[in-house]
Amino acid sequence: MNGKKLMRQAMLGLILAGTAVSAVPLDAAGLILEEQGPTLAVKHSLKGNSLHLKLEVSRFTFSLDNMGKENKAGEGHAVLYLDGKKTAKIFDKEYVLDEIPPGKHQVVIELAHNNHESYGVKQAFQISVKP
């Protein structure tokens, strides 16, 4: 018996046994979907030596109050790295980093849990600040 058929039969058995399974998300084949984690899209612009960021997130909530506390799914903060150095923690969808030195820089924005562990969701880009 293949895995899909076995899964469908197991789900049918649970339903017939009276176990509530309606909250379990299923795909088109009737298989249980894994929970999807947060997503991140970063829009940025340079104004002089200031980097303006707009973070578009889904399935994620910024939380300064819970930083360093117990993890909650889809909650935390963003971390800004400039040239590989942790530069700022971000707790809102918009952020400005001022006084960036002239030159080319690598920027990474990464989503983090309340306990600072990475979600594994990040976006990287380069900027060039004029003297």
Protein backbone atom coordinates (compact mmCIF):
# COMPACT_ATOMS: atom_id res chain seq x y z
CA MET A 1 0.00 0.00 0.00
CA ASN A 2 1.47 3.38 -0.93
CA GLY A 3 2.01 6.18 1.60
CA LYS A 4 -0.79 8.41 0.29
CA LYS A 5 -3.40 5.68 0.49
CA LEU A 6 -2.21 4.67 3.96
CA MET A 7 -2.44 8.29 5.15
CA ARG A 8 -5.98 8.66 3.78
CA GLN A 9 -7.06 5.45 5.49
CA ALA A 10 -5.51 6.57 8.78
CA MET A 11 -7.34 9.91 8.55
CA LEU A 12 -10.61 8.14 7.75
CA GLY A 13 -10.07 5.86 10.75
CA LEU A 14 -9.62 8.88 13.02
CA ILE A 15 -12.75 10.51 11.66
CA LEU A 16 -14.78 7.33 12.09
CA ALA A 17 -13.41 6.90 15.62
CA GLY A 18 -14.84 10.32 16.48
CA THR A 19 -11.51 12.10 16.77
CA ALA A 20 -11.70 15.70 15.58
CA VAL A 21 -9.21 16.32 12.78
CA SER A 22 -10.86 19.24 11.00
CA ALA A 23 -8.16 21.69 12.14
CA VAL A 24 -5.41 19.74 10.36
CA PRO A 25 -4.56 21.39 7.02
CA LEU A 26 -4.51 18.96 4.10
CA ASP A 27 -3.13 19.31 0.59
CA ALA A 28 -5.08 18.41 -2.59
CA ALA A 29 -4.06 14.74 -2.24
CA GLY A 30 -5.38 14.59 1.32
CA LEU A 31 -1.95 14.59 2.94
CA ILE A 32 -1.21 16.64 6.04
CA LEU A 33 0.58 19.89 5.24
CA GLU A 34 3.54 21.03 7.29
CA GLU A 35 3.15 24.40 9.00
CA GLN A 36 4.69 27.13 6.94
CA GLY A 37 7.11 29.48 8.64
CA PRO A 38 7.47 33.22 8.24
CA THR A 39 8.49 34.98 5.05
CA LEU A 40 10.51 38.16 4.56
CA ALA A 41 10.84 40.63 1.68
CA VAL A 42 13.01 43.70 2.20
CA LYS A 43 12.69 46.93 0.25
CA HIS A 44 15.51 49.40 0.75
CA SER A 45 16.68 52.82 -0.36
CA LEU A 46 19.71 54.98 0.38
CA LYS A 47 19.29 58.63 1.27
CA GLY A 48 22.76 60.06 1.71
CA ASN A 49 24.47 57.78 4.21
CA SER A 50 21.19 56.47 5.68
CA LEU A 51 19.69 53.11 4.76
CA HIS A 52 15.88 53.07 4.83
CA LEU A 53 14.32 49.62 5.20
CA LYS A 54 10.77 48.38 4.75
CA LEU A 55 10.29 44.80 5.91
CA GLU A 56 7.33 42.94 4.48
CA VAL A 57 6.64 39.84 6.57
CA SER A 58 3.96 37.19 6.60
CA ARG A 59 3.17 34.73 9.39
CA PHE A 60 5.44 36.83 11.65
CA THR A 61 4.88 39.43 14.39
CA PHE A 62 7.54 41.76 15.77
CA SER A 63 7.74 41.66 19.58
CA LEU A 64 10.05 43.79 21.69
CA ASP A 65 8.17 42.82 24.87
CA ASN A 66 8.94 39.10 24.45
CA MET A 67 12.57 39.39 23.34
CA GLY A 68 14.69 36.99 25.37
CA LYS A 69 11.60 35.13 26.61
CA GLU A 70 9.99 31.87 25.56
CA ASN A 71 9.62 31.35 21.83
CA LYS A 72 6.21 31.69 20.23
CA ALA A 73 5.70 30.50 16.67
CA GLY A 74 5.87 33.37 14.21
CA GLU A 75 7.06 35.94 16.75
CA GLY A 76 10.41 37.67 17.30
CA HIS A 77 12.54 40.38 15.76
CA ALA A 78 14.81 41.01 12.78
CA VAL A 79 18.57 41.33 12.97
CA LEU A 80 20.50 43.67 10.68
CA TYR A 81 24.07 42.72 9.76
CA LEU A 82 26.35 45.23 8.04
CA ASP A 83 29.45 43.64 6.50
CA GLY A 84 28.95 40.55 8.66
CA LYS A 85 28.70 42.48 11.94
CA LYS A 86 25.47 42.40 13.96
CA THR A 87 24.47 46.07 13.86
CA ALA A 88 20.86 46.35 15.04
CA LYS A 89 17.77 44.50 16.24
CA ILE A 90 14.61 45.58 14.46
CA PHE A 91 11.15 45.48 16.06
CA ASP A 92 9.05 47.21 13.40
CA LYS A 93 8.34 46.98 9.68
CA GLU A 94 10.32 50.17 9.02
CA TYR A 95 13.85 50.98 10.16
CA VAL A 96 16.55 53.53 9.32
CA LEU A 97 20.27 52.88 9.82
CA ASP A 98 22.12 56.20 9.88
CA GLU A 99 25.76 57.18 9.45
CA ILE A 100 26.90 54.33 7.23
CA PRO A 101 30.51 54.92 6.19
CA PRO A 102 31.24 55.55 2.49
CA GLY A 103 31.94 52.51 0.33
CA LYS A 104 30.37 49.21 -0.66
CA HIS A 105 28.62 47.22 2.05
CA GLN A 106 26.91 43.84 2.37
CA VAL A 107 23.57 44.03 4.23
CA VAL A 108 21.74 41.00 5.63
CA ILE A 109 18.34 41.11 7.35
CA GLU A 110 17.40 37.93 9.22
CA LEU A 111 14.28 36.97 11.19
CA ALA A 112 14.95 35.69 14.71
CA HIS A 113 12.91 33.97 17.43
CA ASN A 114 12.37 35.65 20.81
CA ASN A 115 15.44 33.78 22.14
CA HIS A 116 17.53 35.18 19.22
CA GLU A 117 17.79 31.89 17.30
CA SER A 118 17.39 32.30 13.55
CA TYR A 119 14.24 31.26 11.72
CA GLY A 120 16.53 30.59 8.75
CA VAL A 121 14.73 33.35 6.83
CA LYS A 122 16.95 36.16 5.53
CA GLN A 123 17.57 38.50 2.66
CA ALA A 124 20.93 39.90 1.59
CA PHE A 125 21.84 42.77 -0.71
CA GLN A 126 24.67 45.22 -1.38
CA ILE A 127 24.67 48.98 -1.08
CA SER A 128 27.17 51.62 -2.11
CA VAL A 129 27.37 54.78 -0.03
CA LYS A 130 28.95 57.76 -1.78
CA PRO A 131 31.55 59.86 0.05
